[in-house]
């Protein structure tokens, strides 16, 4: 369970960072707010998709050790 939890925390940290950077960019450049949020949404989706593989491997290792 420990490896799975760590991977979930990495995904959550990536999402928090993506939201913070997207918010800051949208705040700094209000004219491009809509485009910036769409790009940020793409970054958030990529963060989740890239985390699936390591998360599955971590779950497999945790199940073997249990």
C-alpha atoms as a PDB file:
ATOM      1  CA  UNK A   1       0.000   0.000   0.000  1.00  0.00           C
ATOM      2  CA  UNK A   2       2.918   2.325   0.638  1.00  0.00           C
ATOM      3  CA  UNK A   3       4.106   2.521  -2.964  1.00  0.00           C
ATOM      4  CA  UNK A   4       0.586   3.106  -4.233  1.00  0.00           C
ATOM      5  CA  UNK A   5       0.096   5.917  -1.738  1.00  0.00           C
ATOM      6  CA  UNK A   6       3.355   7.552  -2.790  1.00  0.00           C
ATOM      7  CA  UNK A   7       2.365   7.409  -6.469  1.00  0.00           C
ATOM      8  CA  UNK A   8      -1.032   8.929  -5.676  1.00  0.00           C
ATOM      9  CA  UNK A   9       0.702  11.709  -3.758  1.00  0.00           C
ATOM     10  CA  UNK A  10       2.980  12.378  -6.746  1.00  0.00           C
ATOM     11  CA  UNK A  11      -0.048  12.664  -9.037  1.00  0.00           C
ATOM     12  CA  UNK A  12      -1.802  14.963  -6.563  1.00  0.00           C
ATOM     13  CA  UNK A  13       1.306  17.138  -6.236  1.00  0.00           C
ATOM     14  CA  UNK A  14       1.553  17.395 -10.013  1.00  0.00           C
ATOM     15  CA  UNK A  15      -2.084  18.453 -10.246  1.00  0.00           C
ATOM     16  CA  UNK A  16      -1.642  21.062  -7.525  1.00  0.00           C
ATOM     17  CA  UNK A  17       1.407  22.456  -9.311  1.00  0.00           C
ATOM     18  CA  UNK A  18      -0.423  22.536 -12.660  1.00  0.00           C
ATOM     19  CA  UNK A  19      -3.406  24.337 -11.147  1.00  0.00           C
ATOM     20  CA  UNK A  20      -1.164  26.862  -9.371  1.00  0.00           C
ATOM     21  CA  UNK A  21       0.844  27.646 -12.506  1.00  0.00           C
ATOM     22  CA  UNK A  22      -2.281  27.838 -14.660  1.00  0.00           C
ATOM     23  CA  UNK A  23      -3.986  30.144 -12.188  1.00  0.00           C
ATOM     24  CA  UNK A  24      -0.919  32.389 -11.979  1.00  0.00           C
ATOM     25  CA  UNK A  25      -0.601  32.558 -15.764  1.00  0.00           C
ATOM     26  CA  UNK A  26      -4.299  33.338 -16.208  1.00  0.00           C
ATOM     27  CA  UNK A  27      -4.083  36.013 -13.527  1.00  0.00           C
ATOM     28  CA  UNK A  28      -1.001  37.567 -15.124  1.00  0.00           C
ATOM     29  CA  UNK A  29      -2.443  37.637 -18.637  1.00  0.00           C
ATOM     30  CA  UNK A  30      -6.244  38.084 -18.428  1.00  0.00           C
ATOM     31  CA  UNK A  31      -6.676  38.455 -22.204  1.00  0.00           C
ATOM     32  CA  UNK A  32      -5.519  34.879 -22.717  1.00  0.00           C
ATOM     33  CA  UNK A  33      -7.340  33.423 -19.727  1.00  0.00           C
ATOM     34  CA  UNK A  34      -9.501  30.988 -21.712  1.00  0.00           C
ATOM     35  CA  UNK A  35      -6.615  29.628 -23.762  1.00  0.00           C
ATOM     36  CA  UNK A  36      -4.393  29.394 -20.689  1.00  0.00           C
ATOM     37  CA  UNK A  37      -6.997  27.375 -18.803  1.00  0.00           C
ATOM     38  CA  UNK A  38      -7.418  24.999 -21.759  1.00  0.00           C
ATOM     39  CA  UNK A  39      -3.652  24.484 -21.881  1.00  0.00           C
ATOM     40  CA  UNK A  40      -3.627  23.970 -18.125  1.00  0.00           C
ATOM     41  CA  UNK A  41      -6.388  21.391 -18.438  1.00  0.00           C
ATOM     42  CA  UNK A  42      -4.265  19.573 -21.010  1.00  0.00           C
ATOM     43  CA  UNK A  43      -1.318  19.612 -18.614  1.00  0.00           C
ATOM     44  CA  UNK A  44      -3.509  18.234 -15.831  1.00  0.00           C
ATOM     45  CA  UNK A  45      -4.803  15.477 -18.074  1.00  0.00           C
ATOM     46  CA  UNK A  46      -1.243  14.621 -19.129  1.00  0.00           C
ATOM     47  CA  UNK A  47      -0.214  14.477 -15.468  1.00  0.00           C
ATOM     48  CA  UNK A  48      -2.922  11.945 -14.708  1.00  0.00           C
ATOM     49  CA  UNK A  49      -2.254   9.878 -17.839  1.00  0.00           C
ATOM     50  CA  UNK A  50       1.497   9.761 -17.209  1.00  0.00           C
ATOM     51  CA  UNK A  51       0.862   8.681 -13.618  1.00  0.00           C
ATOM     52  CA  UNK A  52      -1.249   5.663 -14.553  1.00  0.00           C
ATOM     53  CA  UNK A  53       1.674   3.420 -15.520  1.00  0.00           C
ATOM     54  CA  UNK A  54       3.721   3.963 -12.357  1.00  0.00           C
ATOM     55  CA  UNK A  55       0.547   3.672 -10.272  1.00  0.00           C
ATOM     56  CA  UNK A  56      -0.297   0.288 -11.812  1.00  0.00           C
ATOM     57  CA  UNK A  57       3.250  -0.963 -11.217  1.00  0.00           C
ATOM     58  CA  UNK A  58       3.122   0.215  -7.609  1.00  0.00           C
ATOM     59  CA  UNK A  59      -0.197  -1.563  -7.039  1.00  0.00           C
ATOM     60  CA  UNK A  60       1.216  -4.765  -8.507  1.00  0.00           C
ATOM     61  CA  UNK A  61       4.242  -4.616  -6.188  1.00  0.00           C
ATOM     62  CA  UNK A  62       2.035  -3.850  -3.174  1.00  0.00           C
ATOM     63  CA  UNK A  63      -0.259  -6.784  -3.957  1.00  0.00           C
ATOM     64  CA  UNK A  64       2.675  -9.195  -4.250  1.00  0.00           C
ATOM     65  CA  UNK A  65       4.033  -8.102  -0.881  1.00  0.00           C
ATOM     66  CA  UNK A  66       0.672  -8.401   0.897  1.00  0.00           C
END
